[in-house]
């Protein structure tokens, strides 16, 4: 707890007992507990106020518009890349190897015949 060992914690409790006495320690603990409860309630109220404010100003619509703009930029960029690739390769996409795969499959079938499962 907070990097404090057991012996150190006992020493702190002993010093607190010596300074404040056994009658005031429960009052101090109660006051600290109330203060922490007030702090927790205040942070929860701030969080809920921020959430209500965000809902009222419809920030979700802003993010939706932003996402739509990003998608439009992405699709425009993809179109530019595809157009430039087609210009450079003459319409043949060098990354499209499906025809080569089909040709190898046909050659393999010719060598071995159709592949059948053996049970």
PDB file of N, CA and C in Angstrom:
ATOM      1  N   UNK A   1       0.843  -1.169   0.000  1.00  0.00           N
ATOM      2  CA  UNK A   1       0.000   0.000   0.000  1.00  0.00           C
ATOM      3  C   UNK A   1       0.890   1.235   0.000  1.00  0.00           C
ATOM      4  N   UNK A   2       0.935   1.982  -1.065  1.00  0.00           N
ATOM      5  CA  UNK A   2       1.705   3.213  -1.210  1.00  0.00           C
ATOM      6  C   UNK A   2       3.201   3.002  -0.986  1.00  0.00           C
ATOM      7  N   UNK A   3       3.693   1.794  -1.132  1.00  0.00           N
ATOM      8  CA  UNK A   3       5.106   1.527  -0.937  1.00  0.00           C
ATOM      9  C   UNK A   3       5.512   1.538   0.529  1.00  0.00           C
ATOM     10  N   UNK A   4       4.563   1.367   1.421  1.00  0.00           N
ATOM     11  CA  UNK A   4       4.843   1.376   2.853  1.00  0.00           C
ATOM     12  C   UNK A   4       4.765  -0.056   3.368  1.00  0.00           C
ATOM     13  N   UNK A   5       5.803  -0.486   4.088  1.00  0.00           N
ATOM     14  CA  UNK A   5       5.814  -1.829   4.659  1.00  0.00           C
ATOM     15  C   UNK A   5       5.007  -1.896   5.937  1.00  0.00           C
ATOM     16  N   UNK A   6       4.892  -3.108   6.472  1.00  0.00           N
ATOM     17  CA  UNK A   6       4.103  -3.314   7.687  1.00  0.00           C
ATOM     18  C   UNK A   6       4.682  -2.587   8.889  1.00  0.00           C
ATOM     19  N   UNK A   7       6.006  -2.660   9.079  1.00  0.00           N
ATOM     20  CA  UNK A   7       6.642  -1.989  10.201  1.00  0.00           C
ATOM     21  C   UNK A   7       6.481  -0.487  10.130  1.00  0.00           C
ATOM     22  N   UNK A   8       6.613   0.052   8.925  1.00  0.00           N
ATOM     23  CA  UNK A   8       6.450   1.499   8.745  1.00  0.00           C
ATOM     24  C   UNK A   8       5.023   1.931   9.047  1.00  0.00           C
ATOM     25  N   UNK A   9       4.064   1.121   8.633  1.00  0.00           N
ATOM     26  CA  UNK A   9       2.657   1.432   8.885  1.00  0.00           C
ATOM     27  C   UNK A   9       2.365   1.430  10.400  1.00  0.00           C
ATOM     28  N   UNK A  10       2.910   0.457  11.109  1.00  0.00           N
ATOM     29  CA  UNK A  10       2.711   0.403  12.563  1.00  0.00           C
ATOM     30  C   UNK A  10       3.335   1.627  13.224  1.00  0.00           C
ATOM     31  N   UNK A  11       4.507   2.052  12.764  1.00  0.00           N
ATOM     32  CA  UNK A  11       5.160   3.236  13.316  1.00  0.00           C
ATOM     33  C   UNK A  11       4.314   4.486  13.083  1.00  0.00           C
ATOM     34  N   UNK A  12       3.739   4.610  11.885  1.00  0.00           N
ATOM     35  CA  UNK A  12       2.883   5.768  11.576  1.00  0.00           C
ATOM     36  C   UNK A  12       1.649   5.766  12.469  1.00  0.00           C
ATOM     37  N   UNK A  13       1.029   4.600  12.652  1.00  0.00           N
ATOM     38  CA  UNK A  13      -0.153   4.510  13.520  1.00  0.00           C
ATOM     39  C   UNK A  13       0.220   4.863  14.955  1.00  0.00           C
ATOM     40  N   UNK A  14       1.364   4.391  15.409  1.00  0.00           N
ATOM     41  CA  UNK A  14       1.817   4.695  16.767  1.00  0.00           C
ATOM     42  C   UNK A  14       2.036   6.195  16.952  1.00  0.00           C
ATOM     43  N   UNK A  15       2.674   6.843  15.972  1.00  0.00           N
ATOM     44  CA  UNK A  15       2.914   8.289  16.061  1.00  0.00           C
ATOM     45  C   UNK A  15       1.588   9.049  16.050  1.00  0.00           C
ATOM     46  N   UNK A  16       0.640   8.600  15.211  1.00  0.00           N
ATOM     47  CA  UNK A  16      -0.674   9.249  15.172  1.00  0.00           C
ATOM     48  C   UNK A  16      -1.384   9.106  16.518  1.00  0.00           C
ATOM     49  N   UNK A  17      -1.273   7.943  17.135  1.00  0.00           N
ATOM     50  CA  UNK A  17      -1.878   7.736  18.450  1.00  0.00           C
ATOM     51  C   UNK A  17      -1.250   8.656  19.487  1.00  0.00           C
ATOM     52  N   UNK A  18       0.047   8.815  19.417  1.00  0.00           N
ATOM     53  CA  UNK A  18       0.740   9.674  20.380  1.00  0.00           C
ATOM     54  C   UNK A  18       0.359  11.144  20.196  1.00  0.00           C
ATOM     55  N   UNK A  19       0.222  11.575  18.901  1.00  0.00           N
ATOM     56  CA  UNK A  19      -0.081  12.980  18.633  1.00  0.00           C
ATOM     57  C   UNK A  19      -1.534  13.333  18.947  1.00  0.00           C
ATOM     58  N   UNK A  20      -2.476  12.478  18.517  1.00  0.00           N
ATOM     59  CA  UNK A  20      -3.890  12.840  18.587  1.00  0.00           C
ATOM     60  C   UNK A  20      -4.631  12.177  19.731  1.00  0.00           C
ATOM     61  N   UNK A  21      -4.163  11.097  20.231  1.00  0.00           N
ATOM     62  CA  UNK A  21      -4.854  10.394  21.303  1.00  0.00           C
ATOM     63  C   UNK A  21      -5.891   9.438  20.747  1.00  0.00           C
ATOM     64  N   UNK A  22      -6.317   8.522  21.596  1.00  0.00           N
ATOM     65  CA  UNK A  22      -7.238   7.478  21.124  1.00  0.00           C
ATOM     66  C   UNK A  22      -8.655   7.992  20.898  1.00  0.00           C
ATOM     67  N   UNK A  23      -9.023   9.131  21.495  1.00  0.00           N
ATOM     68  CA  UNK A  23     -10.378   9.645  21.307  1.00  0.00           C
ATOM     69  C   UNK A  23     -10.556  10.352  19.965  1.00  0.00           C
ATOM     70  N   UNK A  24      -9.505  10.994  19.474  1.00  0.00           N
ATOM     71  CA  UNK A  24      -9.646  11.800  18.251  1.00  0.00           C
ATOM     72  C   UNK A  24      -9.381  11.014  16.970  1.00  0.00           C
ATOM     73  N   UNK A  25      -8.730   9.879  17.049  1.00  0.00           N
ATOM     74  CA  UNK A  25      -8.412   9.094  15.842  1.00  0.00           C
ATOM     75  C   UNK A  25      -9.686   8.698  15.080  1.00  0.00           C
ATOM     76  N   UNK A  26     -10.741   8.179  15.725  1.00  0.00           N
ATOM     77  CA  UNK A  26     -11.962   7.842  14.967  1.00  0.00           C
ATOM     78  C   UNK A  26     -12.599   9.063  14.308  1.00  0.00           C
ATOM     79  N   UNK A  27     -12.556  10.203  14.981  1.00  0.00           N
ATOM     80  CA  UNK A  27     -13.110  11.427  14.384  1.00  0.00           C
ATOM     81  C   UNK A  27     -12.309  11.829  13.143  1.00  0.00           C
ATOM     82  N   UNK A  28     -11.010  11.726  13.233  1.00  0.00           N
ATOM     83  CA  UNK A  28     -10.154  12.070  12.083  1.00  0.00           C
ATOM     84  C   UNK A  28     -10.422  11.108  10.922  1.00  0.00           C
ATOM     85  N   UNK A  29     -10.528   9.809  11.235  1.00  0.00           N
ATOM     86  CA  UNK A  29     -10.802   8.821  10.183  1.00  0.00           C
ATOM     87  C   UNK A  29     -12.167   9.079   9.540  1.00  0.00           C
ATOM     88  N   UNK A  30     -13.166   9.420  10.378  1.00  0.00           N
ATOM     89  CA  UNK A  30     -14.502   9.706   9.862  1.00  0.00           C
ATOM     90  C   UNK A  30     -14.483  10.933   8.949  1.00  0.00           C
ATOM     91  N   UNK A  31     -13.751  11.970   9.368  1.00  0.00           N
ATOM     92  CA  UNK A  31     -13.644  13.193   8.570  1.00  0.00           C
ATOM     93  C   UNK A  31     -12.947  12.915   7.240  1.00  0.00           C
ATOM     94  N   UNK A  32     -11.867  12.128   7.283  1.00  0.00           N
ATOM     95  CA  UNK A  32     -11.182  11.761   6.033  1.00  0.00           C
ATOM     96  C   UNK A  32     -12.099  10.958   5.116  1.00  0.00           C
ATOM     97  N   UNK A  33     -12.885  10.046   5.697  1.00  0.00           N
ATOM     98  CA  UNK A  33     -13.827   9.254   4.897  1.00  0.00           C
ATOM     99  C   UNK A  33     -14.875  10.122   4.230  1.00  0.00           C
ATOM    100  N   UNK A  34     -15.420  11.084   4.981  1.00  0.00           N
ATOM    101  CA  UNK A  34     -16.410  11.997   4.404  1.00  0.00           C
ATOM    102  C   UNK A  34     -15.790  12.840   3.291  1.00  0.00           C
ATOM    103  N   UNK A  35     -14.560  13.298   3.527  1.00  0.00           N
ATOM    104  CA  UNK A  35     -13.880  14.090   2.497  1.00  0.00           C
ATOM    105  C   UNK A  35     -13.659  13.295   1.216  1.00  0.00           C
ATOM    106  N   UNK A  36     -13.270  12.032   1.361  1.00  0.00           N
ATOM    107  CA  UNK A  36     -13.070  11.188   0.171  1.00  0.00           C
ATOM    108  C   UNK A  36     -14.399  10.923  -0.532  1.00  0.00           C
ATOM    109  N   UNK A  37     -15.486  10.749   0.250  1.00  0.00           N
ATOM    110  CA  UNK A  37     -16.808  10.542  -0.352  1.00  0.00           C
ATOM    111  C   UNK A  37     -17.241  11.786  -1.128  1.00  0.00           C
ATOM    112  N   UNK A  38     -17.011  12.973  -0.560  1.00  0.00           N
ATOM    113  CA  UNK A  38     -17.350  14.210  -1.270  1.00  0.00           C
ATOM    114  C   UNK A  38     -16.526  14.340  -2.555  1.00  0.00           C
ATOM    115  N   UNK A  39     -15.267  13.998  -2.483  1.00  0.00           N
ATOM    116  CA  UNK A  39     -14.406  14.057  -3.668  1.00  0.00           C
ATOM    117  C   UNK A  39     -14.899  13.100  -4.753  1.00  0.00           C
ATOM    118  N   UNK A  40     -15.280  11.885  -4.349  1.00  0.00           N
ATOM    119  CA  UNK A  40     -15.788  10.905  -5.317  1.00  0.00           C
ATOM    120  C   UNK A  40     -17.093  11.396  -5.943  1.00  0.00           C
ATOM    121  N   UNK A  41     -17.995  11.943  -5.128  1.00  0.00           N
ATOM    122  CA  UNK A  41     -19.257  12.463  -5.656  1.00  0.00           C
ATOM    123  C   UNK A  41     -19.020  13.621  -6.624  1.00  0.00           C
ATOM    124  N   UNK A  42     -18.064  14.484  -6.286  1.00  0.00           N
ATOM    125  CA  UNK A  42     -17.774  15.623  -7.164  1.00  0.00           C
ATOM    126  C   UNK A  42     -17.235  15.147  -8.509  1.00  0.00           C
ATOM    127  N   UNK A  43     -16.349  14.154  -8.501  1.00  0.00           N
ATOM    128  CA  UNK A  43     -15.821  13.658  -9.774  1.00  0.00           C
ATOM    129  C   UNK A  43     -16.916  12.976 -10.587  1.00  0.00           C
ATOM    130  N   UNK A  44     -17.813  12.246  -9.925  1.00  0.00           N
ATOM    131  CA  UNK A  44     -18.925  11.618 -10.647  1.00  0.00           C
ATOM    132  C   UNK A  44     -19.852  12.667 -11.256  1.00  0.00           C
ATOM    133  N   UNK A  45     -20.104  13.761 -10.531  1.00  0.00           N
ATOM    134  CA  UNK A  45     -20.942  14.834 -11.063  1.00  0.00           C
ATOM    135  C   UNK A  45     -20.284  15.496 -12.267  1.00  0.00           C
ATOM    136  N   UNK A  46     -18.982  15.704 -12.183  1.00  0.00           N
ATOM    137  CA  UNK A  46     -18.269  16.309 -13.323  1.00  0.00           C
ATOM    138  C   UNK A  46     -18.340  15.399 -14.537  1.00  0.00           C
ATOM    139  N   UNK A  47     -18.147  14.094 -14.324  1.00  0.00           N
ATOM    140  CA  UNK A  47     -18.223  13.145 -15.442  1.00  0.00           C
ATOM    141  C   UNK A  47     -19.610  13.156 -16.081  1.00  0.00           C
ATOM    142  N   UNK A  48     -20.649  13.133 -15.245  1.00  0.00           N
ATOM    143  CA  UNK A  48     -22.007  13.116 -15.799  1.00  0.00           C
ATOM    144  C   UNK A  48     -22.320  14.431 -16.508  1.00  0.00           C
ATOM    145  N   UNK A  49     -21.822  15.556 -15.989  1.00  0.00           N
ATOM    146  CA  UNK A  49     -22.040  16.851 -16.651  1.00  0.00           C
ATOM    147  C   UNK A  49     -21.357  16.886 -18.015  1.00  0.00           C
ATOM    148  N   UNK A  50     -20.167  16.367 -18.086  1.00  0.00           N
ATOM    149  CA  UNK A  50     -19.459  16.316 -19.373  1.00  0.00           C
ATOM    150  C   UNK A  50     -20.219  15.434 -20.352  1.00  0.00           C
ATOM    151  N   UNK A  51     -20.719  14.289 -19.871  1.00  0.00           N
ATOM    152  CA  UNK A  51     -21.473  13.381 -20.737  1.00  0.00           C
ATOM    153  C   UNK A  51     -22.759  14.052 -21.231  1.00  0.00           C
ATOM    154  N   UNK A  52     -23.483  14.732 -20.331  1.00  0.00           N
ATOM    155  CA  UNK A  52     -24.710  15.419 -20.748  1.00  0.00           C
ATOM    156  C   UNK A  52     -24.409  16.524 -21.753  1.00  0.00           C
ATOM    157  N   UNK A  53     -23.336  17.249 -21.518  1.00  0.00           N
ATOM    158  CA  UNK A  53     -22.948  18.322 -22.436  1.00  0.00           C
ATOM    159  C   UNK A  53     -22.603  17.765 -23.802  1.00  0.00           C
ATOM    160  N   UNK A  54     -21.898  16.636 -23.823  1.00  0.00           N
ATOM    161  CA  UNK A  54     -21.538  16.013 -25.099  1.00  0.00           C
ATOM    162  C   UNK A  54     -22.788  15.540 -25.836  1.00  0.00           C
ATOM    163  N   UNK A  55     -23.738  14.975 -25.091  1.00  0.00           N
ATOM    164  CA  UNK A  55     -24.972  14.518 -25.726  1.00  0.00           C
ATOM    165  C   UNK A  55     -25.784  15.695 -26.259  1.00  0.00           C
ATOM    166  N   UNK A  56     -25.812  16.802 -25.521  1.00  0.00           N
ATOM    167  CA  UNK A  56     -26.574  17.971 -25.952  1.00  0.00           C
ATOM    168  C   UNK A  56     -25.983  18.610 -27.196  1.00  0.00           C
ATOM    169  N   UNK A  57     -24.691  18.618 -27.304  1.00  0.00           N
ATOM    170  CA  UNK A  57     -24.055  19.250 -28.459  1.00  0.00           C
ATOM    171  C   UNK A  57     -23.855  18.285 -29.616  1.00  0.00           C
ATOM    172  N   UNK A  58     -24.350  17.077 -29.457  1.00  0.00           N
ATOM    173  CA  UNK A  58     -24.320  16.066 -30.510  1.00  0.00           C
ATOM    174  C   UNK A  58     -22.921  15.889 -31.081  1.00  0.00           C
ATOM    175  N   UNK A  59     -21.984  15.592 -30.205  1.00  0.00           N
ATOM    176  CA  UNK A  59     -20.626  15.336 -30.670  1.00  0.00           C
ATOM    177  C   UNK A  59     -20.553  14.067 -31.504  1.00  0.00           C
ATOM    178  N   UNK A  60     -21.512  13.177 -31.286  1.00  0.00           N
ATOM    179  CA  UNK A  60     -21.503  11.952 -32.073  1.00  0.00           C
ATOM    180  C   UNK A  60     -21.718  12.261 -33.553  1.00  0.00           C
ATOM    181  N   UNK A  61     -22.529  13.278 -33.860  1.00  0.00           N
ATOM    182  CA  UNK A  61     -22.741  13.626 -35.269  1.00  0.00           C
ATOM    183  C   UNK A  61     -21.468  14.206 -35.867  1.00  0.00           C
ATOM    184  N   UNK A  62     -20.695  14.936 -35.045  1.00  0.00           N
ATOM    185  CA  UNK A  62     -19.426  15.465 -35.541  1.00  0.00           C
ATOM    186  C   UNK A  62     -18.459  14.340 -35.871  1.00  0.00           C
ATOM    187  N   UNK A  63     -18.385  13.353 -34.997  1.00  0.00           N
ATOM    188  CA  UNK A  63     -17.477  12.245 -35.269  1.00  0.00           C
ATOM    189  C   UNK A  63     -17.959  11.441 -36.468  1.00  0.00           C
ATOM    190  N   UNK A  64     -19.274  11.320 -36.632  1.00  0.00           N
ATOM    191  CA  UNK A  64     -19.813  10.605 -37.786  1.00  0.00           C
ATOM    192  C   UNK A  64     -19.455  11.348 -39.072  1.00  0.00           C
ATOM    193  N   UNK A  65     -19.571  12.687 -39.067  1.00  0.00           N
ATOM    194  CA  UNK A  65     -19.188  13.477 -40.231  1.00  0.00           C
ATOM    195  C   UNK A  65     -17.698  13.357 -40.508  1.00  0.00           C
ATOM    196  N   UNK A  66     -16.893  13.370 -39.454  1.00  0.00           N
ATOM    197  CA  UNK A  66     -15.449  13.235 -39.608  1.00  0.00           C
ATOM    198  C   UNK A  66     -15.100  11.878 -40.206  1.00  0.00           C
ATOM    199  N   UNK A  67     -15.745  10.821 -39.721  1.00  0.00           N
ATOM    200  CA  UNK A  67     -15.483   9.478 -40.262  1.00  0.00           C
ATOM    201  C   UNK A  67     -15.878   9.394 -41.726  1.00  0.00           C
ATOM    202  N   UNK A  68     -16.973  10.034 -42.095  1.00  0.00           N
ATOM    203  CA  UNK A  68     -17.404  10.026 -43.494  1.00  0.00           C
ATOM    204  C   UNK A  68     -16.365  10.734 -44.373  1.00  0.00           C
ATOM    205  N   UNK A  69     -15.849  11.867 -43.891  1.00  0.00           N
ATOM    206  CA  UNK A  69     -14.824  12.598 -44.647  1.00  0.00           C
ATOM    207  C   UNK A  69     -13.561  11.757 -44.815  1.00  0.00           C
ATOM    208  N   UNK A  70     -13.170  11.059 -43.759  1.00  0.00           N
ATOM    209  CA  UNK A  70     -11.987  10.209 -43.828  1.00  0.00           C
ATOM    210  C   UNK A  70     -12.193   9.102 -44.853  1.00  0.00           C
ATOM    211  N   UNK A  71     -13.379   8.505 -44.867  1.00  0.00           N
ATOM    212  CA  UNK A  71     -13.670   7.447 -45.844  1.00  0.00           C
ATOM    213  C   UNK A  71     -13.638   7.992 -47.266  1.00  0.00           C
ATOM    214  N   UNK A  72     -14.134   9.209 -47.477  1.00  0.00           N
ATOM    215  CA  UNK A  72     -14.093   9.810 -48.804  1.00  0.00           C
ATOM    216  C   UNK A  72     -12.653  10.048 -49.250  1.00  0.00           C
ATOM    217  N   UNK A  73     -11.822  10.539 -48.350  1.00  0.00           N
ATOM    218  CA  UNK A  73     -10.411  10.761 -48.678  1.00  0.00           C
ATOM    219  C   UNK A  73      -9.730   9.437 -48.992  1.00  0.00           C
ATOM    220  N   UNK A  74     -10.052   8.406 -48.196  1.00  0.00           N
ATOM    221  CA  UNK A  74      -9.464   7.087 -48.434  1.00  0.00           C
ATOM    222  C   UNK A  74      -9.856   6.537 -49.795  1.00  0.00           C
ATOM    223  N   UNK A  75     -11.135   6.640 -50.135  1.00  0.00           N
ATOM    224  CA  UNK A  75     -11.580   6.117 -51.429  1.00  0.00           C
ATOM    225  C   UNK A  75     -10.982   6.927 -52.583  1.00  0.00           C
ATOM    226  N   UNK A  76     -10.853   8.244 -52.400  1.00  0.00           N
ATOM    227  CA  UNK A  76     -10.204   9.062 -53.422  1.00  0.00           C
ATOM    228  C   UNK A  76      -8.744   8.679 -53.603  1.00  0.00           C
ATOM    229  N   UNK A  77      -8.061   8.438 -52.518  1.00  0.00           N
ATOM    230  CA  UNK A  77      -6.659   8.027 -52.582  1.00  0.00           C
ATOM    231  C   UNK A  77      -6.527   6.672 -53.273  1.00  0.00           C
ATOM    232  N   UNK A  78      -7.419   5.726 -52.913  1.00  0.00           N
ATOM    233  CA  UNK A  78      -7.393   4.410 -53.564  1.00  0.00           C
ATOM    234  C   UNK A  78      -7.635   4.535 -55.062  1.00  0.00           C
ATOM    235  N   UNK A  79      -8.546   5.426 -55.459  1.00  0.00           N
ATOM    236  CA  UNK A  79      -8.832   5.625 -56.885  1.00  0.00           C
ATOM    237  C   UNK A  79      -7.603   6.179 -57.603  1.00  0.00           C
ATOM    238  N   UNK A  80      -6.928   7.141 -56.980  1.00  0.00           N
ATOM    239  CA  UNK A  80      -5.726   7.714 -57.591  1.00  0.00           C
ATOM    240  C   UNK A  80      -4.644   6.651 -57.743  1.00  0.00           C
ATOM    241  N   UNK A  81      -4.451   5.846 -56.706  1.00  0.00           N
ATOM    242  CA  UNK A  81      -3.431   4.789 -56.763  1.00  0.00           C
ATOM    243  C   UNK A  81      -3.772   3.789 -57.855  1.00  0.00           C
ATOM    244  N   UNK A  82      -5.038   3.390 -57.947  1.00  0.00           N
ATOM    245  CA  UNK A  82      -5.443   2.427 -58.985  1.00  0.00           C
ATOM    246  C   UNK A  82      -5.260   3.010 -60.379  1.00  0.00           C
ATOM    247  N   UNK A  83      -5.626   4.293 -60.564  1.00  0.00           N
ATOM    248  CA  UNK A  83      -5.464   4.926 -61.869  1.00  0.00           C
ATOM    249  C   UNK A  83      -3.998   4.981 -62.273  1.00  0.00           C
ATOM    250  N   UNK A  84      -3.133   5.371 -61.345  1.00  0.00           N
ATOM    251  CA  UNK A  84      -1.699   5.458 -61.649  1.00  0.00           C
ATOM    252  C   UNK A  84      -1.105   4.076 -61.910  1.00  0.00           C
ATOM    253  N   UNK A  85      -1.571   3.074 -61.172  1.00  0.00           N
ATOM    254  CA  UNK A  85      -1.086   1.708 -61.395  1.00  0.00           C
ATOM    255  C   UNK A  85      -1.494   1.232 -62.776  1.00  0.00           C
ATOM    256  N   UNK A  86      -2.734   1.533 -63.179  1.00  0.00           N
ATOM    257  CA  UNK A  86      -3.194   1.141 -64.510  1.00  0.00           C
ATOM    258  C   UNK A  86      -2.402   1.853 -65.597  1.00  0.00           C
ATOM    259  N   UNK A  87      -2.059   3.124 -65.377  1.00  0.00           N
ATOM    260  CA  UNK A  87      -1.265   3.844 -66.363  1.00  0.00           C
ATOM    261  C   UNK A  87       0.118   3.223 -66.521  1.00  0.00           C
ATOM    262  N   UNK A  88       0.724   2.877 -65.399  1.00  0.00           N
ATOM    263  CA  UNK A  88       2.085   2.337 -65.431  1.00  0.00           C
ATOM    264  C   UNK A  88       2.137   0.916 -65.971  1.00  0.00           C
ATOM    265  N   UNK A  89       1.131   0.109 -65.692  1.00  0.00           N
ATOM    266  CA  UNK A  89       1.164  -1.297 -66.093  1.00  0.00           C
ATOM    267  C   UNK A  89       0.337  -1.560 -67.340  1.00  0.00           C
ATOM    268  N   UNK A  90      -0.271  -0.559 -67.878  1.00  0.00           N
ATOM    269  CA  UNK A  90      -1.083  -0.753 -69.071  1.00  0.00           C
ATOM    270  C   UNK A  90      -2.357  -1.518 -68.788  1.00  0.00           C
ATOM    271  N   UNK A  91      -2.909  -1.369 -67.625  1.00  0.00           N
ATOM    272  CA  UNK A  91      -4.167  -2.029 -67.286  1.00  0.00           C
ATOM    273  C   UNK A  91      -3.975  -3.387 -66.652  1.00  0.00           C
ATOM    274  N   UNK A  92      -2.777  -3.949 -66.715  1.00  0.00           N
ATOM    275  CA  UNK A  92      -2.513  -5.234 -66.075  1.00  0.00           C
ATOM    276  C   UNK A  92      -1.989  -4.981 -64.667  1.00  0.00           C
ATOM    277  N   UNK A  93      -2.693  -5.484 -63.720  1.00  0.00           N
ATOM    278  CA  UNK A  93      -2.277  -5.301 -62.329  1.00  0.00           C
ATOM    279  C   UNK A  93      -1.209  -6.331 -62.011  1.00  0.00           C
ATOM    280  N   UNK A  94       0.016  -5.902 -61.676  1.00  0.00           N
ATOM    281  CA  UNK A  94       1.078  -6.870 -61.404  1.00  0.00           C
ATOM    282  C   UNK A  94       0.836  -7.660 -60.122  1.00  0.00           C
ATOM    283  N   UNK A  95      -0.053  -7.186 -59.278  1.00  0.00           N
ATOM    284  CA  UNK A  95      -0.327  -7.896 -58.038  1.00  0.00           C
ATOM    285  C   UNK A  95      -1.438  -8.927 -58.193  1.00  0.00           C
ATOM    286  N   UNK A  96      -2.118  -8.939 -59.327  1.00  0.00           N
ATOM    287  CA  UNK A  96      -3.200  -9.883 -59.564  1.00  0.00           C
ATOM    288  C   UNK A  96      -2.596 -11.161 -60.140  1.00  0.00           C
ATOM    289  N   UNK A  97      -2.538 -12.215 -59.341  1.00  0.00           N
ATOM    290  CA  UNK A  97      -1.906 -13.464 -59.779  1.00  0.00           C
ATOM    291  C   UNK A  97      -2.922 -14.593 -59.857  1.00  0.00           C
ATOM    292  N   UNK A  98      -4.201 -14.254 -59.886  1.00  0.00           N
ATOM    293  CA  UNK A  98      -5.228 -15.297 -59.901  1.00  0.00           C
ATOM    294  C   UNK A  98      -5.159 -16.124 -61.184  1.00  0.00           C
ATOM    295  N   UNK A  99      -4.839 -15.500 -62.314  1.00  0.00           N
ATOM    296  CA  UNK A  99      -4.754 -16.275 -63.556  1.00  0.00           C
ATOM    297  C   UNK A  99      -3.590 -17.265 -63.501  1.00  0.00           C
ATOM    298  N   UNK A 100      -2.459 -16.876 -62.899  1.00  0.00           N
ATOM    299  CA  UNK A 100      -1.336 -17.783 -62.759  1.00  0.00           C
ATOM    300  C   UNK A 100      -1.673 -18.943 -61.830  1.00  0.00           C
ATOM    301  N   UNK A 101      -2.422 -18.654 -60.777  1.00  0.00           N
ATOM    302  CA  UNK A 101      -2.814 -19.715 -59.839  1.00  0.00           C
ATOM    303  C   UNK A 101      -3.722 -20.715 -60.541  1.00  0.00           C
ATOM    304  N   UNK A 102      -4.678 -20.231 -61.309  1.00  0.00           N
ATOM    305  CA  UNK A 102      -5.577 -21.129 -62.040  1.00  0.00           C
ATOM    306  C   UNK A 102      -4.810 -21.974 -63.046  1.00  0.00           C
ATOM    307  N   UNK A 103      -3.823 -21.388 -63.718  1.00  0.00           N
ATOM    308  CA  UNK A 103      -3.021 -22.126 -64.694  1.00  0.00           C
ATOM    309  C   UNK A 103      -2.228 -23.239 -64.020  1.00  0.00           C
ATOM    310  N   UNK A 104      -1.664 -22.965 -62.861  1.00  0.00           N
ATOM    311  CA  UNK A 104      -0.915 -23.985 -62.115  1.00  0.00           C
ATOM    312  C   UNK A 104      -1.844 -25.086 -61.649  1.00  0.00           C
ATOM    313  N   UNK A 105      -3.048 -24.745 -61.222  1.00  0.00           N
ATOM    314  CA  UNK A 105      -4.016 -25.755 -60.808  1.00  0.00           C
ATOM    315  C   UNK A 105      -4.359 -26.688 -61.964  1.00  0.00           C
ATOM    316  N   UNK A 106      -4.586 -26.106 -63.139  1.00  0.00           N
ATOM    317  CA  UNK A 106      -4.916 -26.923 -64.309  1.00  0.00           C
ATOM    318  C   UNK A 106      -3.754 -27.843 -64.672  1.00  0.00           C
ATOM    319  N   UNK A 107      -2.540 -27.318 -64.650  1.00  0.00           N
ATOM    320  CA  UNK A 107      -1.371 -28.146 -64.952  1.00  0.00           C
ATOM    321  C   UNK A 107      -1.206 -29.261 -63.920  1.00  0.00           C
ATOM    322  N   UNK A 108      -1.459 -28.979 -62.673  1.00  0.00           N
ATOM    323  CA  UNK A 108      -1.352 -29.978 -61.622  1.00  0.00           C
ATOM    324  C   UNK A 108      -2.405 -31.056 -61.800  1.00  0.00           C
ATOM    325  N   UNK A 109      -3.641 -30.650 -62.168  1.00  0.00           N
ATOM    326  CA  UNK A 109      -4.702 -31.626 -62.415  1.00  0.00           C
ATOM    327  C   UNK A 109      -4.352 -32.512 -63.603  1.00  0.00           C
ATOM    328  N   UNK A 110      -3.721 -31.936 -64.631  1.00  0.00           N
ATOM    329  CA  UNK A 110      -3.325 -32.725 -65.792  1.00  0.00           C
ATOM    330  C   UNK A 110      -2.278 -33.774 -65.415  1.00  0.00           C
ATOM    331  N   UNK A 111      -1.385 -33.452 -64.510  1.00  0.00           N
ATOM    332  CA  UNK A 111      -0.331 -34.378 -64.106  1.00  0.00           C
ATOM    333  C   UNK A 111      -0.856 -35.493 -63.220  1.00  0.00           C
ATOM    334  N   UNK A 112      -1.706 -35.165 -62.273  1.00  0.00           N
ATOM    335  CA  UNK A 112      -2.113 -36.153 -61.272  1.00  0.00           C
ATOM    336  C   UNK A 112      -3.556 -36.590 -61.397  1.00  0.00           C
ATOM    337  N   UNK A 113      -4.325 -35.898 -62.162  1.00  0.00           N
ATOM    338  CA  UNK A 113      -5.757 -36.163 -62.194  1.00  0.00           C
ATOM    339  C   UNK A 113      -6.409 -35.396 -61.068  1.00  0.00           C
ATOM    340  N   UNK A 114      -7.704 -35.421 -61.015  1.00  0.00           N
ATOM    341  CA  UNK A 114      -8.381 -34.666 -59.958  1.00  0.00           C
ATOM    342  C   UNK A 114      -7.995 -35.226 -58.570  1.00  0.00           C
ATOM    343  N   UNK A 115      -7.845 -34.346 -57.646  1.00  0.00           N
ATOM    344  CA  UNK A 115      -7.473 -34.741 -56.287  1.00  0.00           C
ATOM    345  C   UNK A 115      -8.713 -35.235 -55.562  1.00  0.00           C
ATOM    346  N   UNK A 116      -8.593 -36.440 -55.016  1.00  0.00           N
ATOM    347  CA  UNK A 116      -9.715 -37.035 -54.284  1.00  0.00           C
ATOM    348  C   UNK A 116      -9.273 -37.278 -52.846  1.00  0.00           C
ATOM    349  N   UNK A 117     -10.218 -37.161 -51.982  1.00  0.00           N
ATOM    350  CA  UNK A 117      -9.931 -37.437 -50.581  1.00  0.00           C
ATOM    351  C   UNK A 117      -9.871 -38.924 -50.364  1.00  0.00           C
ATOM    352  N   UNK A 118      -8.896 -39.325 -49.598  1.00  0.00           N
ATOM    353  CA  UNK A 118      -8.814 -40.744 -49.242  1.00  0.00           C
ATOM    354  C   UNK A 118      -9.225 -40.886 -47.791  1.00  0.00           C
ATOM    355  N   UNK A 119     -10.038 -41.884 -47.520  1.00  0.00           N
ATOM    356  CA  UNK A 119     -10.500 -42.089 -46.144  1.00  0.00           C
ATOM    357  C   UNK A 119      -9.920 -43.328 -45.569  1.00  0.00           C
TER     358      UNK A 119
END
